[in-house]
PDB file of N, CA and C in Angstrom:
ATOM      1  N   MET A   1       1.206   1.541  -4.537  1.00  0.00           N
ATOM      2  CA  MET A   1       1.683   2.548  -5.278  1.00  0.00           C
ATOM      3  C   MET A   1       0.265   3.439  -6.409  1.00  0.00           C
ATOM      4  N   LEU A   2       0.164   4.483  -5.867  1.00  0.00           N
ATOM      5  CA  LEU A   2      -1.166   4.776  -6.596  1.00  0.00           C
ATOM      6  C   LEU A   2      -0.900   5.446  -8.027  1.00  0.00           C
ATOM      7  N   SER A   3      -1.457   5.084  -9.192  1.00  0.00           N
ATOM      8  CA  SER A   3      -1.486   5.267 -10.290  1.00  0.00           C
ATOM      9  C   SER A   3      -1.811   6.243 -10.928  1.00  0.00           C
ATOM     10  N   ASP A   4      -2.654   6.561 -10.125  1.00  0.00           N
ATOM     11  CA  ASP A   4      -3.234   8.299 -10.157  1.00  0.00           C
ATOM     12  C   ASP A   4      -2.346   9.100  -9.712  1.00  0.00           C
ATOM     13  N   THR A   5      -2.189  10.001 -10.462  1.00  0.00           N
ATOM     14  CA  THR A   5      -1.286  11.010  -9.360  1.00  0.00           C
ATOM     15  C   THR A   5      -2.377  12.141  -9.177  1.00  0.00           C
ATOM     16  N   ASP A   6      -2.960  12.613  -9.810  1.00  0.00           N
ATOM     17  CA  ASP A   6      -4.471  13.653  -9.603  1.00  0.00           C
ATOM     18  C   ASP A   6      -5.351  13.488  -8.186  1.00  0.00           C
ATOM     19  N   ILE A   7      -4.964  13.523  -7.114  1.00  0.00           N
ATOM     20  CA  ILE A   7      -5.502  12.798  -6.063  1.00  0.00           C
ATOM     21  C   ILE A   7      -6.373  13.593  -5.258  1.00  0.00           C
ATOM     22  N   GLN A   8      -7.315  13.758  -4.983  1.00  0.00           N
ATOM     23  CA  GLN A   8      -8.008  14.719  -3.900  1.00  0.00           C
ATOM     24  C   GLN A   8      -7.634  14.500  -2.692  1.00  0.00           C
ATOM     25  N   ALA A   9      -7.774  16.111  -2.220  1.00  0.00           N
ATOM     26  CA  ALA A   9      -7.255  16.174  -0.895  1.00  0.00           C
ATOM     27  C   ALA A   9      -7.461  15.546   0.369  1.00  0.00           C
ATOM     28  N   SER A  10      -9.196  15.312   0.141  1.00  0.00           N
ATOM     29  CA  SER A  10     -10.213  14.448   1.298  1.00  0.00           C
ATOM     30  C   SER A  10      -9.135  12.727   1.249  1.00  0.00           C
ATOM     31  N   LEU A  11      -9.347  12.513   0.240  1.00  0.00           N
ATOM     32  CA  LEU A  11      -8.087  10.853  -0.030  1.00  0.00           C
ATOM     33  C   LEU A  11      -6.910  10.982   0.544  1.00  0.00           C
ATOM     34  N   LEU A  12      -5.868  12.135   0.363  1.00  0.00           N
ATOM     35  CA  LEU A  12      -4.772  12.165   0.688  1.00  0.00           C
ATOM     36  C   LEU A  12      -4.881  12.366   2.513  1.00  0.00           C
ATOM     37  N   ALA A  13      -5.973  13.264   2.618  1.00  0.00           N
ATOM     38  CA  ALA A  13      -6.123  13.117   4.145  1.00  0.00           C
ATOM     39  C   ALA A  13      -6.119  11.967   4.911  1.00  0.00           C
ATOM     40  N   GLY A  14      -7.009  11.427   4.245  1.00  0.00           N
ATOM     41  CA  GLY A  14      -7.747   9.556   4.876  1.00  0.00           C
ATOM     42  C   GLY A  14      -7.011   8.615   5.099  1.00  0.00           C
ATOM     43  N   LEU A  15      -5.665   9.019   4.117  1.00  0.00           N
ATOM     44  CA  LEU A  15      -4.463   8.054   3.788  1.00  0.00           C
ATOM     45  C   LEU A  15      -3.837   9.206   4.602  1.00  0.00           C
ATOM     46  N   GLY A  16      -3.287   9.871   5.477  1.00  0.00           N
ATOM     47  CA  GLY A  16      -2.267  10.585   6.058  1.00  0.00           C
ATOM     48  C   GLY A  16      -2.644   9.834   7.254  1.00  0.00           C
ATOM     49  N   LYS A  17      -4.245  10.300   8.017  1.00  0.00           N
ATOM     50  CA  LYS A  17      -4.643   9.512   8.911  1.00  0.00           C
ATOM     51  C   LYS A  17      -4.400   8.492   9.261  1.00  0.00           C
ATOM     52  N   LEU A  18      -4.419   7.173   7.829  1.00  0.00           N
ATOM     53  CA  LEU A  18      -4.121   5.620   8.132  1.00  0.00           C
ATOM     54  C   LEU A  18      -2.552   4.764   7.982  1.00  0.00           C
ATOM     55  N   THR A  19      -2.248   6.192   7.373  1.00  0.00           N
ATOM     56  CA  THR A  19      -0.843   5.363   7.284  1.00  0.00           C
ATOM     57  C   THR A  19       0.449   6.512   8.271  1.00  0.00           C
ATOM     58  N   GLY A  20      -0.217   7.330   8.824  1.00  0.00           N
ATOM     59  CA  GLY A  20       0.389   8.469   9.533  1.00  0.00           C
ATOM     60  C   GLY A  20       1.837   8.816   8.867  1.00  0.00           C
ATOM     61  N   VAL A  21       1.813   8.914   7.807  1.00  0.00           N
ATOM     62  CA  VAL A  21       2.549   9.703   6.863  1.00  0.00           C
ATOM     63  C   VAL A  21       1.870  11.309   6.797  1.00  0.00           C
ATOM     64  N   ALA A  22       2.520  12.123   6.380  1.00  0.00           N
ATOM     65  CA  ALA A  22       2.740  13.290   6.352  1.00  0.00           C
ATOM     66  C   ALA A  22       1.707  13.922   4.899  1.00  0.00           C
ATOM     67  N   PHE A  23       0.942  14.537   4.880  1.00  0.00           N
ATOM     68  CA  PHE A  23       0.107  15.354   3.909  1.00  0.00           C
ATOM     69  C   PHE A  23       0.867  15.468   2.919  1.00  0.00           C
ATOM     70  N   SER A  24       2.308  16.122   2.688  1.00  0.00           N
ATOM     71  CA  SER A  24       3.079  16.604   2.050  1.00  0.00           C
ATOM     72  C   SER A  24       4.059  15.427   1.494  1.00  0.00           C
ATOM     73  N   LYS A  25       4.346  14.711   2.190  1.00  0.00           N
ATOM     74  CA  LYS A  25       5.147  13.418   2.189  1.00  0.00           C
ATOM     75  C   LYS A  25       4.171  12.479   1.034  1.00  0.00           C
ATOM     76  N   LEU A  26       3.071  12.264   1.271  1.00  0.00           N
ATOM     77  CA  LEU A  26       2.134  11.206   0.484  1.00  0.00           C
ATOM     78  C   LEU A  26       2.071  11.925  -0.993  1.00  0.00           C
ATOM     79  N   LYS A  27       1.872  13.191  -1.490  1.00  0.00           N
ATOM     80  CA  LYS A  27       1.584  13.856  -2.317  1.00  0.00           C
ATOM     81  C   LYS A  27       2.717  13.852  -3.248  1.00  0.00           C
ATOM     82  N   ASP A  28       3.994  13.933  -2.286  1.00  0.00           N
ATOM     83  CA  ASP A  28       5.066  13.716  -3.269  1.00  0.00           C
ATOM     84  C   ASP A  28       5.555  11.858  -3.643  1.00  0.00           C
ATOM     85  N   ARG A  29       4.963  11.293  -2.859  1.00  0.00           N
ATOM     86  CA  ARG A  29       5.131   9.872  -3.597  1.00  0.00           C
ATOM     87  C   ARG A  29       4.413   9.532  -4.527  1.00  0.00           C
ATOM     88  N   ILE A  30       3.527  10.363  -4.388  1.00  0.00           N
ATOM     89  CA  ILE A  30       2.217   9.922  -5.388  1.00  0.00           C
ATOM     90  C   ILE A  30       2.680  10.767  -6.750  1.00  0.00           C
ATOM     91  N   ALA A  31       3.492  11.771  -6.680  1.00  0.00           N
ATOM     92  CA  ALA A  31       3.238  12.448  -7.544  1.00  0.00           C
ATOM     93  C   ALA A  31       4.887  11.995  -8.964  1.00  0.00           C
ATOM     94  N   ARG A  32       5.692  10.748  -7.504  1.00  0.00           N
ATOM     95  CA  ARG A  32       7.198  10.276  -7.983  1.00  0.00           C
ATOM     96  C   ARG A  32       6.706   8.867  -8.364  1.00  0.00           C
ATOM     97  N   GLN A  33       5.446   8.598  -8.301  1.00  0.00           N
ATOM     98  CA  GLN A  33       5.081   6.949  -8.604  1.00  0.00           C
ATOM     99  C   GLN A  33       5.948   6.089  -7.119  1.00  0.00           C
ATOM    100  N   GLN A  34       6.142   6.923  -6.090  1.00  0.00           N
ATOM    101  CA  GLN A  34       6.219   5.868  -5.263  1.00  0.00           C
ATOM    102  C   GLN A  34       5.760   5.706  -4.462  1.00  0.00           C
ATOM    103  N   PRO A  35       6.232   4.097  -3.825  1.00  0.00           N
ATOM    104  CA  PRO A  35       5.004   3.539  -2.834  1.00  0.00           C
ATOM    105  C   PRO A  35       4.412   4.246  -1.795  1.00  0.00           C
ATOM    106  N   ILE A  36       3.055   4.338  -1.147  1.00  0.00           N
ATOM    107  CA  ILE A  36       2.792   5.649  -0.213  1.00  0.00           C
ATOM    108  C   ILE A  36       2.884   4.369   1.317  1.00  0.00           C
ATOM    109  N   LEU A  37       3.509   3.483   1.538  1.00  0.00           N
ATOM    110  CA  LEU A  37       3.771   2.235   2.372  1.00  0.00           C
ATOM    111  C   LEU A  37       4.380   1.027   1.473  1.00  0.00           C
ATOM    112  N   ILE A  38       5.605   1.188   2.663  1.00  0.00           N
ATOM    113  CA  ILE A  38       6.718  -0.275   2.181  1.00  0.00           C
ATOM    114  C   ILE A  38       6.456  -0.987   4.084  1.00  0.00           C
ATOM    115  N   LEU A  39       5.943  -1.800   3.878  1.00  0.00           N
ATOM    116  CA  LEU A  39       6.059  -2.791   5.108  1.00  0.00           C
ATOM    117  C   LEU A  39       6.593  -4.213   4.685  1.00  0.00           C
ATOM    118  N   PRO A  40       6.652  -4.475   5.569  1.00  0.00           N
ATOM    119  CA  PRO A  40       7.243  -6.201   5.771  1.00  0.00           C
ATOM    120  C   PRO A  40       6.327  -6.898   6.286  1.00  0.00           C
ATOM    121  N   LEU A  41       5.979  -7.486   5.208  1.00  0.00           N
ATOM    122  CA  LEU A  41       5.188  -9.095   5.437  1.00  0.00           C
ATOM    123  C   LEU A  41       5.375 -10.055   6.099  1.00  0.00           C
ATOM    124  N   PHE A  42       4.130 -10.540   7.321  1.00  0.00           N
ATOM    125  CA  PHE A  42       4.614 -11.749   7.719  1.00  0.00           C
ATOM    126  C   PHE A  42       5.401 -11.605   9.367  1.00  0.00           C
ATOM    127  N   ASP A  43       5.802 -10.657   9.319  1.00  0.00           N
ATOM    128  CA  ASP A  43       6.303 -10.475  10.589  1.00  0.00           C
ATOM    129  C   ASP A  43       5.542  -9.968  11.915  1.00  0.00           C
ATOM    130  N   ASN A  44       5.689  -9.905  13.473  1.00  0.00           N
ATOM    131  CA  ASN A  44       5.063 -10.041  14.647  1.00  0.00           C
ATOM    132  C   ASN A  44       4.534  -8.582  14.072  1.00  0.00           C
ATOM    133  N   ASP A  45       5.148  -7.232  13.428  1.00  0.00           N
ATOM    134  CA  ASP A  45       4.689  -6.043  13.657  1.00  0.00           C
ATOM    135  C   ASP A  45       3.016  -5.938  12.599  1.00  0.00           C
ATOM    136  N   PHE A  46       3.515  -6.784  10.918  1.00  0.00           N
ATOM    137  CA  PHE A  46       2.333  -6.786  10.892  1.00  0.00           C
ATOM    138  C   PHE A  46       1.437  -7.572  10.886  1.00  0.00           C
ATOM    139  N   TYR A  47       1.259  -8.971  11.581  1.00  0.00           N
ATOM    140  CA  TYR A  47       0.192  -8.930  12.046  1.00  0.00           C
ATOM    141  C   TYR A  47      -0.436  -8.259  13.152  1.00  0.00           C
ATOM    142  N   ALA A  48       0.527  -7.708  14.106  1.00  0.00           N
ATOM    143  CA  ALA A  48      -0.231  -6.802  15.060  1.00  0.00           C
ATOM    144  C   ALA A  48      -1.273  -6.146  14.628  1.00  0.00           C
ATOM    145  N   ARG A  49      -0.586  -4.895  13.495  1.00  0.00           N
ATOM    146  CA  ARG A  49      -1.119  -3.945  12.924  1.00  0.00           C
ATOM    147  C   ARG A  49      -1.247  -3.592  11.503  1.00  0.00           C
ATOM    148  N   GLY A  50       0.307  -3.914  11.114  1.00  0.00           N
ATOM    149  CA  GLY A  50       0.370  -3.508   9.676  1.00  0.00           C
ATOM    150  C   GLY A  50      -0.852  -3.797   8.783  1.00  0.00           C
ATOM    151  N   ALA A  51      -1.498  -5.225   8.869  1.00  0.00           N
ATOM    152  CA  ALA A  51      -2.167  -5.990   7.814  1.00  0.00           C
ATOM    153  C   ALA A  51      -4.038  -4.688   8.313  1.00  0.00           C
ATOM    154  N   ALA A  52      -3.668  -4.399   9.336  1.00  0.00           N
ATOM    155  CA  ALA A  52      -5.170  -3.672   9.168  1.00  0.00           C
ATOM    156  C   ALA A  52      -4.643  -2.594   8.543  1.00  0.00           C
ATOM    157  N   MET A  53      -4.179  -1.451   8.796  1.00  0.00           N
ATOM    158  CA  MET A  53      -3.800  -0.827   8.492  1.00  0.00           C
ATOM    159  C   MET A  53      -3.856  -0.581   6.767  1.00  0.00           C
ATOM    160  N   VAL A  54      -3.150  -2.058   6.135  1.00  0.00           N
ATOM    161  CA  VAL A  54      -3.280  -1.953   4.762  1.00  0.00           C
ATOM    162  C   VAL A  54      -4.422  -2.508   4.004  1.00  0.00           C
ATOM    163  N   ARG A  55      -5.427  -3.225   5.208  1.00  0.00           N
ATOM    164  CA  ARG A  55      -6.666  -3.126   4.505  1.00  0.00           C
ATOM    165  C   ARG A  55      -7.777  -2.198   4.646  1.00  0.00           C
ATOM    166  N   ALA A  56      -7.203  -1.113   5.478  1.00  0.00           N
ATOM    167  CA  ALA A  56      -8.306  -0.068   5.501  1.00  0.00           C
ATOM    168  C   ALA A  56      -7.807   1.331   3.910  1.00  0.00           C
ATOM    169  N   VAL A  57      -6.341   0.462   3.822  1.00  0.00           N
ATOM    170  CA  VAL A  57      -6.028   1.498   2.643  1.00  0.00           C
ATOM    171  C   VAL A  57      -6.674   1.006   1.516  1.00  0.00           C
ATOM    172  N   VAL A  58      -6.548  -0.081   1.161  1.00  0.00           N
ATOM    173  CA  VAL A  58      -7.041  -1.222   0.598  1.00  0.00           C
ATOM    174  C   VAL A  58      -8.785  -0.215   0.151  1.00  0.00           C
ATOM    175  N   ASP A  59      -9.199  -0.450   1.393  1.00  0.00           N
ATOM    176  CA  ASP A  59     -10.660  -0.364   1.266  1.00  0.00           C
ATOM    177  C   ASP A  59     -11.159   1.052   1.009  1.00  0.00           C
ATOM    178  N   LEU A  60      -9.860   2.379   2.041  1.00  0.00           N
ATOM    179  CA  LEU A  60     -10.487   2.912   1.099  1.00  0.00           C
ATOM    180  C   LEU A  60     -10.004   3.690  -0.220  1.00  0.00           C
ATOM    181  N   LEU A  61      -8.832   3.111  -0.633  1.00  0.00           N
ATOM    182  CA  LEU A  61      -8.665   3.151  -2.163  1.00  0.00           C
ATOM    183  C   LEU A  61      -9.447   3.117  -3.027  1.00  0.00           C
ATOM    184  N   GLU A  62      -9.859   1.679  -3.269  1.00  0.00           N
ATOM    185  CA  GLU A  62     -11.269   1.273  -3.655  1.00  0.00           C
ATOM    186  C   GLU A  62     -12.662   1.542  -3.672  1.00  0.00           C
ATOM    187  N   SER A  63     -12.881   2.373  -2.159  1.00  0.00           N
ATOM    188  CA  SER A  63     -13.703   2.803  -2.542  1.00  0.00           C
ATOM    189  C   SER A  63     -13.981   4.498  -2.493  1.00  0.00           C
ATOM    190  N   ASN A  64     -13.020   4.578  -2.752  1.00  0.00           N
ATOM    191  CA  ASN A  64     -12.619   6.431  -4.153  1.00  0.00           C
ATOM    192  C   ASN A  64     -11.820   5.841  -5.431  1.00  0.00           C
ATOM    193  N   ARG A  65     -12.190   4.690  -5.739  1.00  0.00           N
ATOM    194  CA  ARG A  65     -12.388   4.182  -6.969  1.00  0.00           C
ATOM    195  C   ARG A  65     -10.537   4.474  -7.550  1.00  0.00           C
ATOM    196  N   SER A  66      -9.959   4.762  -6.800  1.00  0.00           N
ATOM    197  CA  SER A  66      -8.338   5.538  -6.868  1.00  0.00           C
ATOM    198  C   SER A  66      -7.613   4.410  -7.358  1.00  0.00           C
ATOM    199  N   ALA A  67      -7.068   4.374  -8.754  1.00  0.00           N
ATOM    200  CA  ALA A  67      -5.743   3.411  -9.229  1.00  0.00           C
ATOM    201  C   ALA A  67      -4.781   2.953  -8.959  1.00  0.00           C
ATOM    202  N   PHE A  68      -4.362   1.509  -8.107  1.00  0.00           N
ATOM    203  CA  PHE A  68      -3.324   1.266  -7.454  1.00  0.00           C
ATOM    204  C   PHE A  68      -2.312  -0.232  -7.843  1.00  0.00           C
ATOM    205  N   ALA A  69      -1.382   0.086  -7.557  1.00  0.00           N
ATOM    206  CA  ALA A  69      -0.716  -0.879  -7.511  1.00  0.00           C
ATOM    207  C   ALA A  69       0.032  -1.557  -6.178  1.00  0.00           C
ATOM    208  N   ALA A  70       0.624  -3.043  -6.329  1.00  0.00           N
ATOM    209  CA  ALA A  70       0.887  -3.326  -4.849  1.00  0.00           C
ATOM    210  C   ALA A  70       1.613  -4.787  -5.715  1.00  0.00           C
ATOM    211  N   TYR A  71       3.093  -4.303  -4.714  1.00  0.00           N
ATOM    212  CA  TYR A  71       4.259  -5.026  -5.440  1.00  0.00           C
ATOM    213  C   TYR A  71       4.516  -6.314  -3.770  1.00  0.00           C
ATOM    214  N   GLU A  72       5.354  -7.242  -3.876  1.00  0.00           N
ATOM    215  CA  GLU A  72       5.444  -8.135  -3.006  1.00  0.00           C
ATOM    216  C   GLU A  72       6.823  -8.221  -3.772  1.00  0.00           C
ATOM    217  N   LEU A  73       8.025  -8.064  -2.666  1.00  0.00           N
ATOM    218  CA  LEU A  73       9.528  -7.783  -2.842  1.00  0.00           C
ATOM    219  C   LEU A  73       9.978  -9.283  -2.044  1.00  0.00           C
ATOM    220  N   ALA A  74      10.661  -9.837  -2.945  1.00  0.00           N
ATOM    221  CA  ALA A  74      11.753 -10.607  -1.636  1.00  0.00           C
ATOM    222  C   ALA A  74      12.452  -9.648  -0.537  1.00  0.00           C
ATOM    223  N   GLU A  75      12.770 -10.403   0.302  1.00  0.00           N
ATOM    224  CA  GLU A  75      13.671 -10.017   1.535  1.00  0.00           C
ATOM    225  C   GLU A  75      14.850  -9.029   0.873  1.00  0.00           C
ATOM    226  N   GLY A  76      15.225  -7.840   1.518  1.00  0.00           N
ATOM    227  CA  GLY A  76      16.526  -7.618   0.875  1.00  0.00           C
ATOM    228  C   GLY A  76      16.080  -6.719  -0.460  1.00  0.00           C
ATOM    229  N   GLU A  77      15.099  -6.977  -1.518  1.00  0.00           N
ATOM    230  CA  GLU A  77      14.804  -6.888  -2.891  1.00  0.00           C
ATOM    231  C   GLU A  77      14.352  -5.119  -2.293  1.00  0.00           C
ATOM    232  N   ARG A  78      14.714  -4.187  -3.458  1.00  0.00           N
ATOM    233  CA  ARG A  78      14.391  -3.185  -3.018  1.00  0.00           C
ATOM    234  C   ARG A  78      13.309  -2.520  -4.516  1.00  0.00           C
ATOM    235  N   PHE A  79      12.057  -1.598  -4.010  1.00  0.00           N
ATOM    236  CA  PHE A  79      11.111  -1.437  -5.144  1.00  0.00           C
ATOM    237  C   PHE A  79      12.041  -0.434  -5.908  1.00  0.00           C
ATOM    238  N   GLU A  80      13.196   0.485  -5.751  1.00  0.00           N
ATOM    239  CA  GLU A  80      13.397   1.279  -7.081  1.00  0.00           C
ATOM    240  C   GLU A  80      14.341   0.249  -8.144  1.00  0.00           C
ATOM    241  N   THR A  81      14.149  -0.661  -7.291  1.00  0.00           N
ATOM    242  CA  THR A  81      15.447  -2.074  -8.708  1.00  0.00           C
ATOM    243  C   THR A  81      14.835  -3.626  -8.434  1.00  0.00           C
ATOM    244  N   ARG A  82      13.176  -3.185  -8.197  1.00  0.00           N
ATOM    245  CA  ARG A  82      12.247  -5.006  -8.899  1.00  0.00           C
ATOM    246  C   ARG A  82      11.638  -4.828 -10.032  1.00  0.00           C
ATOM    247  N   ASP A  83      11.913  -6.556 -10.308  1.00  0.00           N
ATOM    248  CA  ASP A  83      11.301  -6.933 -11.672  1.00  0.00           C
ATOM    249  C   ASP A  83       9.845  -6.775 -11.353  1.00  0.00           C
ATOM    250  N   GLU A  84       9.585  -5.635 -12.181  1.00  0.00           N
ATOM    251  CA  GLU A  84       7.840  -5.315 -12.331  1.00  0.00           C
ATOM    252  C   GLU A  84       7.291  -6.738 -12.556  1.00  0.00           C
ATOM    253  N   LYS A  85       7.184  -7.229 -13.572  1.00  0.00           N
ATOM    254  CA  LYS A  85       6.596  -8.423 -13.653  1.00  0.00           C
ATOM    255  C   LYS A  85       6.191  -9.420 -12.800  1.00  0.00           C
ATOM    256  N   LEU A  86       7.357  -9.742 -11.906  1.00  0.00           N
ATOM    257  CA  LEU A  86       7.765 -10.663 -10.915  1.00  0.00           C
ATOM    258  C   LEU A  86       6.933 -10.240  -9.716  1.00  0.00           C
ATOM    259  N   SER A  87       7.466  -8.921  -9.574  1.00  0.00           N
ATOM    260  CA  SER A  87       6.631  -8.720  -8.171  1.00  0.00           C
ATOM    261  C   SER A  87       5.263  -7.738  -7.498  1.00  0.00           C
ATOM    262  N   ARG A  88       5.128  -7.257  -9.129  1.00  0.00           N
ATOM    263  CA  ARG A  88       3.380  -6.805  -8.986  1.00  0.00           C
ATOM    264  C   ARG A  88       2.561  -8.171  -8.932  1.00  0.00           C
ATOM    265  N   ILE A  89       1.368  -7.350  -7.610  1.00  0.00           N
ATOM    266  CA  ILE A  89       0.638  -8.438  -7.318  1.00  0.00           C
ATOM    267  C   ILE A  89      -0.915  -7.938  -7.491  1.00  0.00           C
ATOM    268  N   THR A  90      -1.797  -8.953  -7.934  1.00  0.00           N
ATOM    269  CA  THR A  90      -3.183  -8.559  -8.105  1.00  0.00           C
ATOM    270  C   THR A  90      -3.815  -7.949  -6.504  1.00  0.00           C
ATOM    271  N   SER A  91      -4.955  -6.744  -6.231  1.00  0.00           N
ATOM    272  CA  SER A  91      -5.698  -6.167  -5.538  1.00  0.00           C
ATOM    273  C   SER A  91      -6.257  -7.858  -5.039  1.00  0.00           C
ATOM    274  N   ASP A  92      -6.797  -8.844  -5.478  1.00  0.00           N
ATOM    275  CA  ASP A  92      -6.684 -10.066  -5.242  1.00  0.00           C
ATOM    276  C   ASP A  92      -6.128 -11.123  -4.094  1.00  0.00           C
ATOM    277  N   THR A  93      -4.653 -10.971  -5.193  1.00  0.00           N
ATOM    278  CA  THR A  93      -3.812 -11.254  -3.950  1.00  0.00           C
ATOM    279  C   THR A  93      -3.332 -10.758  -2.957  1.00  0.00           C
ATOM    280  N   LEU A  94      -3.448  -9.233  -3.037  1.00  0.00           N
ATOM    281  CA  LEU A  94      -3.115  -8.659  -1.807  1.00  0.00           C
ATOM    282  C   LEU A  94      -4.469  -8.918  -0.754  1.00  0.00           C
ATOM    283  N   LYS A  95      -5.429  -8.561  -0.736  1.00  0.00           N
ATOM    284  CA  LYS A  95      -6.486  -9.196  -0.426  1.00  0.00           C
ATOM    285  C   LYS A  95      -6.844 -11.014  -0.019  1.00  0.00           C
ATOM    286  N   ASN A  96      -5.703 -11.865  -0.006  1.00  0.00           N
ATOM    287  CA  ASN A  96      -6.338 -12.995   0.089  1.00  0.00           C
ATOM    288  C   ASN A  96      -4.366 -12.738   1.375  1.00  0.00           C
ATOM    289  N   ILE A  97      -3.725 -12.042   1.348  1.00  0.00           N
ATOM    290  CA  ILE A  97      -2.544 -12.407   2.136  1.00  0.00           C
ATOM    291  C   ILE A  97      -3.041 -11.767   3.546  1.00  0.00           C
ATOM    292  N   LEU A  98      -4.129 -10.550   2.936  1.00  0.00           N
ATOM    293  CA  LEU A  98      -4.648  -9.683   4.553  1.00  0.00           C
ATOM    294  C   LEU A  98      -5.502 -10.427   4.904  1.00  0.00           C
ATOM    295  N   ARG A  99      -6.454 -11.585   4.325  1.00  0.00           N
ATOM    296  CA  ARG A  99      -7.375 -12.328   5.144  1.00  0.00           C
ATOM    297  C   ARG A  99      -6.419 -13.479   5.681  1.00  0.00           C
ATOM    298  N   GLU A 100      -5.140 -14.194   5.068  1.00  0.00           N
ATOM    299  CA  GLU A 100      -4.513 -14.942   5.698  1.00  0.00           C
ATOM    300  C   GLU A 100      -3.585 -14.423   7.099  1.00  0.00           C
ATOM    301  N   ALA A 101      -3.527 -13.409   7.002  1.00  0.00           N
ATOM    302  CA  ALA A 101      -3.173 -12.594   8.127  1.00  0.00           C
ATOM    303  C   ALA A 101      -3.817 -12.471   9.292  1.00  0.00           C
ATOM    304  N   ASN A 102      -5.408 -12.324   9.207  1.00  0.00           N
ATOM    305  CA  ASN A 102      -6.181 -12.475   9.751  1.00  0.00           C
ATOM    306  C   ASN A 102      -7.030 -13.685  10.853  1.00  0.00           C
ATOM    307  N   VAL A 103      -6.145 -14.284   9.956  1.00  0.00           N
ATOM    308  CA  VAL A 103      -6.945 -15.726  10.552  1.00  0.00           C
ATOM    309  C   VAL A 103      -6.005 -16.397  11.700  1.00  0.00           C
ATOM    310  N   GLU A 104      -4.836 -15.859  11.378  1.00  0.00           N
ATOM    311  CA  GLU A 104      -3.414 -16.438  12.411  1.00  0.00           C
ATOM    312  C   GLU A 104      -3.768 -15.474  13.008  1.00  0.00           C
TER     313      GLU A 104
END
């Protein structure tokens, strides 16, 4: 989830290219403080391509100095009803998850 709702068109275009989400949909999600990506971690699809996409998105956001938040939700938990204190993870934690996905 991006914390900054005022985002440059070039960054939106880059996010769209990486995620396959339409420009207008990304813009709407960001404006409503909704996640731009919701992916299950640790399934075969995540290892096959999800981890690389998340890594590329994080790299793009960080290189543009865009504030963002990452959340790890339990199976069946919904973003809208999450306990933010328990589910928010740091950028370093996310990078460790991605690093571990790359090892396996």
